[in-house]
Amino acid sequence: GDVERGIRLWDADSPAIRHFETIDVFPFAPEWVIEATYT
């Protein structure tokens, strides 16, 4: 439970950025818009 400190390195020219094309998505599905109770 002790606090750990770290560093993140971000590369604006990373391999993932260079190879990225898009994010696939499903067509809009109205049945998956659900009103729920929040307690």
PDB file of all heavy atoms in Angstrom:
ATOM      1  N   GLY A   1       0.796  -1.225   0.000  1.00  0.00           N
ATOM      2  CA  GLY A   1       0.000   0.000   0.000  1.00  0.00           C
ATOM      3  C   GLY A   1       0.825   1.270   0.000  1.00  0.00           C
ATOM      4  O   GLY A   1       0.282   2.377  -0.008  1.00  0.00           O
ATOM      5  N   ASP A   2       2.151   1.124   0.016  1.00  0.00           N
ATOM      6  CA  ASP A   2       3.021   2.303  -0.015  1.00  0.00           C
ATOM      7  C   ASP A   2       2.943   3.002  -1.377  1.00  0.00           C
ATOM      8  O   ASP A   2       2.692   2.369  -2.402  1.00  0.00           O
ATOM      9  CB  ASP A   2       4.474   1.900   0.252  1.00  0.00           C
ATOM     10  CG  ASP A   2       4.685   1.368   1.659  1.00  0.00           C
ATOM     11  OD1 ASP A   2       3.867   1.684   2.541  1.00  0.00           O
ATOM     12  OD2 ASP A   2       5.670   0.623   1.862  1.00  0.00           O
ATOM     13  N   VAL A   3       3.183   4.314  -1.361  1.00  0.00           N
ATOM     14  CA  VAL A   3       3.172   5.088  -2.601  1.00  0.00           C
ATOM     15  C   VAL A   3       4.396   4.735  -3.434  1.00  0.00           C
ATOM     16  O   VAL A   3       5.523   4.725  -2.935  1.00  0.00           O
ATOM     17  CB  VAL A   3       3.137   6.597  -2.305  1.00  0.00           C
ATOM     18  CG1 VAL A   3       3.279   7.398  -3.597  1.00  0.00           C
ATOM     19  CG2 VAL A   3       1.843   6.970  -1.599  1.00  0.00           C
ATOM     20  N   GLU A   4       4.164   4.411  -4.708  1.00  0.00           N
ATOM     21  CA  GLU A   4       5.254   4.186  -5.661  1.00  0.00           C
ATOM     22  C   GLU A   4       5.229   5.316  -6.688  1.00  0.00           C
ATOM     23  O   GLU A   4       4.158   5.730  -7.142  1.00  0.00           O
ATOM     24  CB  GLU A   4       5.070   2.855  -6.390  1.00  0.00           C
ATOM     25  CG  GLU A   4       5.224   1.633  -5.514  1.00  0.00           C
ATOM     26  CD  GLU A   4       5.088   0.359  -6.329  1.00  0.00           C
ATOM     27  OE1 GLU A   4       4.019   0.127  -6.894  1.00  0.00           O
ATOM     28  OE2 GLU A   4       6.072  -0.402  -6.394  1.00  0.00           O
ATOM     29  N   ARG A   5       6.390   5.797  -7.049  1.00  0.00           N
ATOM     30  CA  ARG A   5       6.493   6.871  -8.034  1.00  0.00           C
ATOM     31  C   ARG A   5       7.199   6.358  -9.282  1.00  0.00           C
ATOM     32  O   ARG A   5       8.136   5.568  -9.192  1.00  0.00           O
ATOM     33  CB  ARG A   5       7.231   8.071  -7.440  1.00  0.00           C
ATOM     34  CG  ARG A   5       6.450   8.751  -6.314  1.00  0.00           C
ATOM     35  CD  ARG A   5       7.191   9.914  -5.683  1.00  0.00           C
ATOM     36  NE  ARG A   5       6.339  10.617  -4.743  1.00  0.00           N
ATOM     37  CZ  ARG A   5       6.138  10.229  -3.484  1.00  0.00           C
ATOM     38  NH1 ARG A   5       6.762   9.148  -3.032  1.00  0.00           N
ATOM     39  NH2 ARG A   5       5.337  10.911  -2.696  1.00  0.00           N
ATOM     40  N   GLY A   6       6.711   6.818 -10.415  1.00  0.00           N
ATOM     41  CA  GLY A   6       7.260   6.325 -11.666  1.00  0.00           C
ATOM     42  C   GLY A   6       7.347   7.400 -12.728  1.00  0.00           C
ATOM     43  O   GLY A   6       6.957   8.552 -12.523  1.00  0.00           O
ATOM     44  N   ILE A   7       7.864   6.991 -13.858  1.00  0.00           N
ATOM     45  CA  ILE A   7       8.042   7.848 -15.031  1.00  0.00           C
ATOM     46  C   ILE A   7       7.421   7.153 -16.233  1.00  0.00           C
ATOM     47  O   ILE A   7       7.553   5.933 -16.395  1.00  0.00           O
ATOM     48  CB  ILE A   7       9.541   8.091 -15.328  1.00  0.00           C
ATOM     49  CG1 ILE A   7      10.199   8.898 -14.202  1.00  0.00           C
ATOM     50  CG2 ILE A   7       9.721   8.786 -16.677  1.00  0.00           C
ATOM     51  CD1 ILE A   7       9.834  10.366 -14.197  1.00  0.00           C
ATOM     52  N   ARG A   8       6.732   7.932 -17.053  1.00  0.00           N
ATOM     53  CA  ARG A   8       6.258   7.419 -18.331  1.00  0.00           C
ATOM     54  C   ARG A   8       6.946   8.176 -19.458  1.00  0.00           C
ATOM     55  O   ARG A   8       7.100   9.395 -19.395  1.00  0.00           O
ATOM     56  CB  ARG A   8       4.742   7.566 -18.459  1.00  0.00           C
ATOM     57  CG  ARG A   8       3.997   6.394 -17.822  1.00  0.00           C
ATOM     58  CD  ARG A   8       2.516   6.463 -17.996  1.00  0.00           C
ATOM     59  NE  ARG A   8       1.925   5.189 -17.601  1.00  0.00           N
ATOM     60  CZ  ARG A   8       0.663   5.042 -17.219  1.00  0.00           C
ATOM     61  NH1 ARG A   8      -0.146   6.089 -17.195  1.00  0.00           N
ATOM     62  NH2 ARG A   8       0.197   3.853 -16.885  1.00  0.00           N
ATOM     63  N   LEU A   9       7.356   7.427 -20.475  1.00  0.00           N
ATOM     64  CA  LEU A   9       7.967   8.008 -21.655  1.00  0.00           C
ATOM     65  C   LEU A   9       7.001   7.871 -22.828  1.00  0.00           C
ATOM     66  O   LEU A   9       6.468   6.780 -23.094  1.00  0.00           O
ATOM     67  CB  LEU A   9       9.291   7.317 -21.989  1.00  0.00           C
ATOM     68  CG  LEU A   9      10.403   7.444 -20.943  1.00  0.00           C
ATOM     69  CD1 LEU A   9      11.659   6.727 -21.418  1.00  0.00           C
ATOM     70  CD2 LEU A   9      10.714   8.910 -20.628  1.00  0.00           C
ATOM     71  N   TRP A  10       6.775   9.000 -23.505  1.00  0.00           N
ATOM     72  CA  TRP A  10       5.850   9.069 -24.635  1.00  0.00           C
ATOM     73  C   TRP A  10       6.635   9.493 -25.871  1.00  0.00           C
ATOM     74  O   TRP A  10       7.385  10.471 -25.827  1.00  0.00           O
ATOM     75  CB  TRP A  10       4.756  10.094 -24.369  1.00  0.00           C
ATOM     76  CG  TRP A  10       4.137  10.042 -23.012  1.00  0.00           C
ATOM     77  CD1 TRP A  10       4.658  10.535 -21.846  1.00  0.00           C
ATOM     78  CD2 TRP A  10       2.879   9.463 -22.660  1.00  0.00           C
ATOM     79  NE1 TRP A  10       3.803  10.307 -20.799  1.00  0.00           N
ATOM     80  CE2 TRP A  10       2.702   9.640 -21.258  1.00  0.00           C
ATOM     81  CE3 TRP A  10       1.879   8.810 -23.390  1.00  0.00           C
ATOM     82  CZ2 TRP A  10       1.563   9.210 -20.602  1.00  0.00           C
ATOM     83  CZ3 TRP A  10       0.746   8.374 -22.730  1.00  0.00           C
ATOM     84  CH2 TRP A  10       0.596   8.571 -21.344  1.00  0.00           C
ATOM     85  N   ASP A  11       6.438   8.780 -26.954  1.00  0.00           N
ATOM     86  CA  ASP A  11       7.170   9.083 -28.185  1.00  0.00           C
ATOM     87  C   ASP A  11       6.177   9.476 -29.277  1.00  0.00           C
ATOM     88  O   ASP A  11       5.340   8.662 -29.703  1.00  0.00           O
ATOM     89  CB  ASP A  11       7.983   7.868 -28.633  1.00  0.00           C
ATOM     90  CG  ASP A  11       8.936   8.179 -29.770  1.00  0.00           C
ATOM     91  OD1 ASP A  11       8.834   9.289 -30.338  1.00  0.00           O
ATOM     92  OD2 ASP A  11       9.775   7.319 -30.088  1.00  0.00           O
ATOM     93  N   ALA A  12       6.263  10.721 -29.734  1.00  0.00           N
ATOM     94  CA  ALA A  12       5.372  11.202 -30.789  1.00  0.00           C
ATOM     95  C   ALA A  12       5.612  10.496 -32.113  1.00  0.00           C
ATOM     96  O   ALA A  12       4.797  10.612 -33.039  1.00  0.00           O
ATOM     97  CB  ALA A  12       5.542  12.714 -30.966  1.00  0.00           C
ATOM     98  N   ASP A  13       6.717   9.744 -32.205  1.00  0.00           N
ATOM     99  CA  ASP A  13       7.030   8.982 -33.408  1.00  0.00           C
ATOM    100  C   ASP A  13       7.117   7.492 -33.069  1.00  0.00           C
ATOM    101  O   ASP A  13       7.945   6.763 -33.619  1.00  0.00           O
ATOM    102  CB  ASP A  13       8.359   9.473 -34.015  1.00  0.00           C
ATOM    103  CG  ASP A  13       8.613   8.897 -35.402  1.00  0.00           C
ATOM    104  OD1 ASP A  13       7.643   8.747 -36.168  1.00  0.00           O
ATOM    105  OD2 ASP A  13       9.780   8.598 -35.722  1.00  0.00           O
ATOM    106  N   SER A  14       6.261   7.028 -32.182  1.00  0.00           N
ATOM    107  CA  SER A  14       6.294   5.629 -31.751  1.00  0.00           C
ATOM    108  C   SER A  14       5.876   4.700 -32.896  1.00  0.00           C
ATOM    109  O   SER A  14       5.159   5.108 -33.820  1.00  0.00           O
ATOM    110  CB  SER A  14       5.348   5.411 -30.571  1.00  0.00           C
ATOM    111  OG  SER A  14       3.994   5.481 -31.008  1.00  0.00           O
ATOM    112  N   PRO A  15       6.310   3.438 -32.863  1.00  0.00           N
ATOM    113  CA  PRO A  15       5.863   2.477 -33.874  1.00  0.00           C
ATOM    114  C   PRO A  15       4.337   2.356 -33.941  1.00  0.00           C
ATOM    115  O   PRO A  15       3.778   2.194 -35.030  1.00  0.00           O
ATOM    116  CB  PRO A  15       6.512   1.167 -33.424  1.00  0.00           C
ATOM    117  CG  PRO A  15       7.718   1.593 -32.651  1.00  0.00           C
ATOM    118  CD  PRO A  15       7.319   2.855 -31.951  1.00  0.00           C
ATOM    119  N   ALA A  16       3.664   2.429 -32.779  1.00  0.00           N
ATOM    120  CA  ALA A  16       2.207   2.306 -32.773  1.00  0.00           C
ATOM    121  C   ALA A  16       1.553   3.453 -33.533  1.00  0.00           C
ATOM    122  O   ALA A  16       0.577   3.250 -34.265  1.00  0.00           O
ATOM    123  CB  ALA A  16       1.703   2.251 -31.333  1.00  0.00           C
ATOM    124  N   ILE A  17       2.064   4.668 -33.373  1.00  0.00           N
ATOM    125  CA  ILE A  17       1.517   5.811 -34.101  1.00  0.00           C
ATOM    126  C   ILE A  17       1.768   5.654 -35.599  1.00  0.00           C
ATOM    127  O   ILE A  17       0.877   5.902 -36.430  1.00  0.00           O
ATOM    128  CB  ILE A  17       2.116   7.127 -33.577  1.00  0.00           C
ATOM    129  CG1 ILE A  17       1.571   7.436 -32.177  1.00  0.00           C
ATOM    130  CG2 ILE A  17       1.807   8.285 -34.527  1.00  0.00           C
ATOM    131  CD1 ILE A  17       2.163   8.675 -31.540  1.00  0.00           C
ATOM    132  N   ARG A  18       2.964   5.214 -35.954  1.00  0.00           N
ATOM    133  CA  ARG A  18       3.289   5.081 -37.374  1.00  0.00           C
ATOM    134  C   ARG A  18       2.449   4.017 -38.068  1.00  0.00           C
ATOM    135  O   ARG A  18       2.142   4.128 -39.257  1.00  0.00           O
ATOM    136  CB  ARG A  18       4.783   4.762 -37.551  1.00  0.00           C
ATOM    137  CG  ARG A  18       5.713   5.893 -37.118  1.00  0.00           C
ATOM    138  CD  ARG A  18       7.106   5.714 -37.716  1.00  0.00           C
ATOM    139  NE  ARG A  18       7.687   4.413 -37.412  1.00  0.00           N
ATOM    140  CZ  ARG A  18       8.434   4.159 -36.334  1.00  0.00           C
ATOM    141  NH1 ARG A  18       8.673   5.128 -35.447  1.00  0.00           N
ATOM    142  NH2 ARG A  18       8.935   2.958 -36.133  1.00  0.00           N
ATOM    143  N   HIS A  19       2.046   2.974 -37.337  1.00  0.00           N
ATOM    144  CA  HIS A  19       1.288   1.879 -37.942  1.00  0.00           C
ATOM    145  C   HIS A  19      -0.228   2.011 -37.765  1.00  0.00           C
ATOM    146  O   HIS A  19      -0.979   1.215 -38.328  1.00  0.00           O
ATOM    147  CB  HIS A  19       1.744   0.535 -37.349  1.00  0.00           C
ATOM    148  CG  HIS A  19       3.085   0.082 -37.820  1.00  0.00           C
ATOM    149  ND1 HIS A  19       4.256   0.469 -37.209  1.00  0.00           N
ATOM    150  CD2 HIS A  19       3.455  -0.715 -38.849  1.00  0.00           C
ATOM    151  CE1 HIS A  19       5.287  -0.089 -37.823  1.00  0.00           C
ATOM    152  NE2 HIS A  19       4.831  -0.807 -38.828  1.00  0.00           N
ATOM    153  N   PHE A  20      -0.669   2.990 -36.985  1.00  0.00           N
ATOM    154  CA  PHE A  20      -2.101   3.103 -36.676  1.00  0.00           C
ATOM    155  C   PHE A  20      -2.898   3.525 -37.903  1.00  0.00           C
ATOM    156  O   PHE A  20      -2.508   4.430 -38.636  1.00  0.00           O
ATOM    157  CB  PHE A  20      -2.298   4.116 -35.546  1.00  0.00           C
ATOM    158  CG  PHE A  20      -3.734   4.367 -35.189  1.00  0.00           C
ATOM    159  CD1 PHE A  20      -4.496   3.389 -34.582  1.00  0.00           C
ATOM    160  CD2 PHE A  20      -4.334   5.591 -35.472  1.00  0.00           C
ATOM    161  CE1 PHE A  20      -5.820   3.618 -34.249  1.00  0.00           C
ATOM    162  CE2 PHE A  20      -5.649   5.835 -35.138  1.00  0.00           C
ATOM    163  CZ  PHE A  20      -6.394   4.850 -34.524  1.00  0.00           C
ATOM    164  N   GLU A  21      -4.055   2.866 -38.118  1.00  0.00           N
ATOM    165  CA  GLU A  21      -4.955   3.232 -39.205  1.00  0.00           C
ATOM    166  C   GLU A  21      -6.265   3.822 -38.686  1.00  0.00           C
ATOM    167  O   GLU A  21      -6.636   4.931 -39.021  1.00  0.00           O
ATOM    168  CB  GLU A  21      -5.252   2.017 -40.091  1.00  0.00           C
ATOM    169  CG  GLU A  21      -4.119   1.612 -41.004  1.00  0.00           C
ATOM    170  CD  GLU A  21      -4.550   0.618 -42.063  1.00  0.00           C
ATOM    171  OE1 GLU A  21      -5.599  -0.058 -41.886  1.00  0.00           O
ATOM    172  OE2 GLU A  21      -3.848   0.510 -43.089  1.00  0.00           O
ATOM    173  N   THR A  22      -6.968   3.057 -37.853  1.00  0.00           N
ATOM    174  CA  THR A  22      -8.286   3.501 -37.392  1.00  0.00           C
ATOM    175  C   THR A  22      -8.710   2.633 -36.215  1.00  0.00           C
ATOM    176  O   THR A  22      -7.949   1.769 -35.759  1.00  0.00           O
ATOM    177  CB  THR A  22      -9.322   3.388 -38.534  1.00  0.00           C
ATOM    178  OG1 THR A  22     -10.561   3.985 -38.111  1.00  0.00           O
ATOM    179  CG2 THR A  22      -9.581   1.941 -38.916  1.00  0.00           C
ATOM    180  N   ILE A  23      -9.918   2.857 -35.709  1.00  0.00           N
ATOM    181  CA  ILE A  23     -10.532   1.990 -34.702  1.00  0.00           C
ATOM    182  C   ILE A  23     -11.839   1.485 -35.290  1.00  0.00           C
ATOM    183  O   ILE A  23     -12.726   2.280 -35.637  1.00  0.00           O
ATOM    184  CB  ILE A  23     -10.807   2.732 -33.381  1.00  0.00           C
ATOM    185  CG1 ILE A  23      -9.504   3.293 -32.804  1.00  0.00           C
ATOM    186  CG2 ILE A  23     -11.463   1.786 -32.367  1.00  0.00           C
ATOM    187  CD1 ILE A  23      -9.713   4.184 -31.586  1.00  0.00           C
ATOM    188  N   ASP A  24     -11.967   0.184 -35.438  1.00  0.00           N
ATOM    189  CA  ASP A  24     -13.215  -0.395 -35.940  1.00  0.00           C
ATOM    190  C   ASP A  24     -14.339  -0.192 -34.925  1.00  0.00           C
ATOM    191  O   ASP A  24     -14.100  -0.250 -33.700  1.00  0.00           O
ATOM    192  CB  ASP A  24     -13.046  -1.889 -36.193  1.00  0.00           C
ATOM    193  CG  ASP A  24     -12.475  -2.194 -37.568  1.00  0.00           C
ATOM    194  OD1 ASP A  24     -12.453  -1.273 -38.415  1.00  0.00           O
ATOM    195  OD2 ASP A  24     -12.061  -3.344 -37.789  1.00  0.00           O
ATOM    196  N   VAL A  25     -15.555   0.034 -35.425  1.00  0.00           N
ATOM    197  CA  VAL A  25     -16.713   0.226 -34.552  1.00  0.00           C
ATOM    198  C   VAL A  25     -17.904  -0.566 -35.075  1.00  0.00           C
ATOM    199  O   VAL A  25     -17.990  -0.881 -36.264  1.00  0.00           O
ATOM    200  CB  VAL A  25     -17.097   1.717 -34.434  1.00  0.00           C
ATOM    201  CG1 VAL A  25     -15.984   2.525 -33.802  1.00  0.00           C
ATOM    202  CG2 VAL A  25     -17.475   2.286 -35.792  1.00  0.00           C
ATOM    203  N   PHE A  26     -18.825  -0.861 -34.171  1.00  0.00           N
ATOM    204  CA  PHE A  26     -20.102  -1.454 -34.554  1.00  0.00           C
ATOM    205  C   PHE A  26     -21.024  -0.364 -35.104  1.00  0.00           C
ATOM    206  O   PHE A  26     -20.881   0.814 -34.742  1.00  0.00           O
ATOM    207  CB  PHE A  26     -20.786  -2.089 -33.336  1.00  0.00           C
ATOM    208  CG  PHE A  26     -20.151  -3.350 -32.835  1.00  0.00           C
ATOM    209  CD1 PHE A  26     -19.330  -3.340 -31.713  1.00  0.00           C
ATOM    210  CD2 PHE A  26     -20.402  -4.565 -33.449  1.00  0.00           C
ATOM    211  CE1 PHE A  26     -18.754  -4.501 -31.230  1.00  0.00           C
ATOM    212  CE2 PHE A  26     -19.832  -5.744 -32.978  1.00  0.00           C
ATOM    213  CZ  PHE A  26     -19.014  -5.710 -31.868  1.00  0.00           C
ATOM    214  N   PRO A  27     -22.004  -0.731 -35.947  1.00  0.00           N
ATOM    215  CA  PRO A  27     -23.057   0.231 -36.292  1.00  0.00           C
ATOM    216  C   PRO A  27     -23.829   0.631 -35.037  1.00  0.00           C
ATOM    217  O   PRO A  27     -23.871  -0.117 -34.046  1.00  0.00           O
ATOM    218  CB  PRO A  27     -23.951  -0.561 -37.258  1.00  0.00           C
ATOM    219  CG  PRO A  27     -23.126  -1.699 -37.746  1.00  0.00           C
ATOM    220  CD  PRO A  27     -22.183  -2.034 -36.621  1.00  0.00           C
ATOM    221  N   PHE A  28     -24.429   1.826 -35.079  1.00  0.00           N
ATOM    222  CA  PHE A  28     -25.204   2.285 -33.919  1.00  0.00           C
ATOM    223  C   PHE A  28     -26.283   1.264 -33.569  1.00  0.00           C
ATOM    224  O   PHE A  28     -27.015   0.779 -34.435  1.00  0.00           O
ATOM    225  CB  PHE A  28     -25.844   3.633 -34.206  1.00  0.00           C
ATOM    226  CG  PHE A  28     -26.691   4.142 -33.074  1.00  0.00           C
ATOM    227  CD1 PHE A  28     -26.107   4.651 -31.925  1.00  0.00           C
ATOM    228  CD2 PHE A  28     -28.080   4.077 -33.145  1.00  0.00           C
ATOM    229  CE1 PHE A  28     -26.887   5.105 -30.873  1.00  0.00           C
ATOM    230  CE2 PHE A  28     -28.863   4.532 -32.094  1.00  0.00           C
ATOM    231  CZ  PHE A  28     -28.263   5.049 -30.954  1.00  0.00           C
ATOM    232  N   ALA A  29     -26.392   0.944 -32.281  1.00  0.00           N
ATOM    233  CA  ALA A  29     -27.349  -0.063 -31.799  1.00  0.00           C
ATOM    234  C   ALA A  29     -28.250   0.564 -30.743  1.00  0.00           C
ATOM    235  O   ALA A  29     -27.860   0.662 -29.570  1.00  0.00           O
ATOM    236  CB  ALA A  29     -26.604  -1.261 -31.225  1.00  0.00           C
ATOM    237  N   PRO A  30     -29.448   1.015 -31.114  1.00  0.00           N
ATOM    238  CA  PRO A  30     -30.320   1.689 -30.137  1.00  0.00           C
ATOM    239  C   PRO A  30     -30.704   0.814 -28.953  1.00  0.00           C
ATOM    240  O   PRO A  30     -30.981   1.314 -27.864  1.00  0.00           O
ATOM    241  CB  PRO A  30     -31.545   2.076 -30.968  1.00  0.00           C
ATOM    242  CG  PRO A  30     -31.501   1.200 -32.181  1.00  0.00           C
ATOM    243  CD  PRO A  30     -30.065   0.929 -32.456  1.00  0.00           C
ATOM    244  N   GLU A  31     -30.708  -0.511 -29.144  1.00  0.00           N
ATOM    245  CA  GLU A  31     -31.079  -1.408 -28.045  1.00  0.00           C
ATOM    246  C   GLU A  31     -30.037  -1.415 -26.930  1.00  0.00           C
ATOM    247  O   GLU A  31     -30.317  -1.881 -25.814  1.00  0.00           O
ATOM    248  CB  GLU A  31     -31.297  -2.827 -28.564  1.00  0.00           C
ATOM    249  CG  GLU A  31     -30.050  -3.524 -29.094  1.00  0.00           C
ATOM    250  CD  GLU A  31     -29.760  -3.258 -30.566  1.00  0.00           C
ATOM    251  OE1 GLU A  31     -30.275  -2.244 -31.094  1.00  0.00           O
ATOM    252  OE2 GLU A  31     -29.024  -4.056 -31.178  1.00  0.00           O
ATOM    253  N   TRP A  32     -28.848  -0.861 -27.211  1.00  0.00           N
ATOM    254  CA  TRP A  32     -27.813  -0.804 -26.191  1.00  0.00           C
ATOM    255  C   TRP A  32     -27.678   0.580 -25.563  1.00  0.00           C
ATOM    256  O   TRP A  32     -26.636   0.921 -25.004  1.00  0.00           O
ATOM    257  CB  TRP A  32     -26.480  -1.289 -26.747  1.00  0.00           C
ATOM    258  CG  TRP A  32     -26.419  -2.783 -26.832  1.00  0.00           C
ATOM    259  CD1 TRP A  32     -26.518  -3.558 -27.948  1.00  0.00           C
ATOM    260  CD2 TRP A  32     -26.300  -3.685 -25.726  1.00  0.00           C
ATOM    261  NE1 TRP A  32     -26.453  -4.891 -27.618  1.00  0.00           N
ATOM    262  CE2 TRP A  32     -26.314  -5.000 -26.254  1.00  0.00           C
ATOM    263  CE3 TRP A  32     -26.187  -3.523 -24.345  1.00  0.00           C
ATOM    264  CZ2 TRP A  32     -26.223  -6.130 -25.443  1.00  0.00           C
ATOM    265  CZ3 TRP A  32     -26.092  -4.647 -23.534  1.00  0.00           C
ATOM    266  CH2 TRP A  32     -26.105  -5.928 -24.091  1.00  0.00           C
ATOM    267  N   VAL A  33     -28.749   1.357 -25.648  1.00  0.00           N
ATOM    268  CA  VAL A  33     -28.867   2.590 -24.850  1.00  0.00           C
ATOM    269  C   VAL A  33     -29.853   2.265 -23.739  1.00  0.00           C
ATOM    270  O   VAL A  33     -31.047   2.108 -23.979  1.00  0.00           O
ATOM    271  CB  VAL A  33     -29.360   3.780 -25.693  1.00  0.00           C
ATOM    272  CG1 VAL A  33     -29.432   5.038 -24.841  1.00  0.00           C
ATOM    273  CG2 VAL A  33     -28.451   3.999 -26.898  1.00  0.00           C
ATOM    274  N   ILE A  34     -29.350   2.130 -22.529  1.00  0.00           N
ATOM    275  CA  ILE A  34     -30.122   1.558 -21.421  1.00  0.00           C
ATOM    276  C   ILE A  34     -30.224   2.554 -20.273  1.00  0.00           C
ATOM    277  O   ILE A  34     -29.215   3.093 -19.817  1.00  0.00           O
ATOM    278  CB  ILE A  34     -29.454   0.256 -20.926  1.00  0.00           C
ATOM    279  CG1 ILE A  34     -29.430  -0.781 -22.062  1.00  0.00           C
ATOM    280  CG2 ILE A  34     -30.156  -0.283 -19.690  1.00  0.00           C
ATOM    281  CD1 ILE A  34     -28.580  -1.993 -21.748  1.00  0.00           C
ATOM    282  N   GLU A  35     -31.449   2.791 -19.816  1.00  0.00           N
ATOM    283  CA  GLU A  35     -31.642   3.601 -18.616  1.00  0.00           C
ATOM    284  C   GLU A  35     -31.599   2.690 -17.399  1.00  0.00           C
ATOM    285  O   GLU A  35     -32.287   1.670 -17.354  1.00  0.00           O
ATOM    286  CB  GLU A  35     -32.977   4.352 -18.660  1.00  0.00           C
ATOM    287  CG  GLU A  35     -33.165   5.286 -17.470  1.00  0.00           C
ATOM    288  CD  GLU A  35     -34.398   6.163 -17.583  1.00  0.00           C
ATOM    289  OE1 GLU A  35     -34.384   7.080 -18.419  1.00  0.00           O
ATOM    290  OE2 GLU A  35     -35.362   5.913 -16.836  1.00  0.00           O
ATOM    291  N   ALA A  36     -30.773   3.036 -16.447  1.00  0.00           N
ATOM    292  CA  ALA A  36     -30.570   2.193 -15.273  1.00  0.00           C
ATOM    293  C   ALA A  36     -30.793   2.990 -13.998  1.00  0.00           C
ATOM    294  O   ALA A  36     -30.761   4.229 -13.999  1.00  0.00           O
ATOM    295  CB  ALA A  36     -29.153   1.621 -15.286  1.00  0.00           C
ATOM    296  N   THR A  37     -31.009   2.279 -12.919  1.00  0.00           N
ATOM    297  CA  THR A  37     -31.149   2.896 -11.596  1.00  0.00           C
ATOM    298  C   THR A  37     -29.772   3.033 -10.963  1.00  0.00           C
ATOM    299  O   THR A  37     -28.953   2.099 -11.014  1.00  0.00           O
ATOM    300  CB  THR A  37     -32.041   2.034 -10.696  1.00  0.00           C
ATOM    301  OG1 THR A  37     -33.347   1.947 -11.281  1.00  0.00           O
ATOM    302  CG2 THR A  37     -32.164   2.641  -9.303  1.00  0.00           C
ATOM    303  N   TYR A  38     -29.524   4.202 -10.386  1.00  0.00           N
ATOM    304  CA  TYR A  38     -28.263   4.426  -9.678  1.00  0.00           C
ATOM    305  C   TYR A  38     -28.566   4.642  -8.206  1.00  0.00           C
ATOM    306  O   TYR A  38     -29.308   5.550  -7.827  1.00  0.00           O
ATOM    307  CB  TYR A  38     -27.524   5.640 -10.236  1.00  0.00           C
ATOM    308  CG  TYR A  38     -26.217   5.924  -9.517  1.00  0.00           C
ATOM    309  CD1 TYR A  38     -25.092   5.158  -9.782  1.00  0.00           C
ATOM    310  CD2 TYR A  38     -26.128   6.933  -8.561  1.00  0.00           C
ATOM    311  CE1 TYR A  38     -23.899   5.399  -9.125  1.00  0.00           C
ATOM    312  CE2 TYR A  38     -24.925   7.178  -7.907  1.00  0.00           C
ATOM    313  CZ  TYR A  38     -23.819   6.410  -8.190  1.00  0.00           C
ATOM    314  OH  TYR A  38     -22.648   6.641  -7.536  1.00  0.00           O
ATOM    315  N   THR A  39     -27.988   3.789  -7.357  1.00  0.00           N
ATOM    316  CA  THR A  39     -28.204   3.860  -5.916  1.00  0.00           C
ATOM    317  C   THR A  39     -26.880   4.153  -5.223  1.00  0.00           C
ATOM    318  O   THR A  39     -25.986   3.288  -5.183  1.00  0.00           O
ATOM    319  CB  THR A  39     -28.771   2.537  -5.372  1.00  0.00           C
ATOM    320  OG1 THR A  39     -29.957   2.187  -6.104  1.00  0.00           O
ATOM    321  CG2 THR A  39     -29.117   2.663  -3.896  1.00  0.00           C
TER     322      THR A  39
END
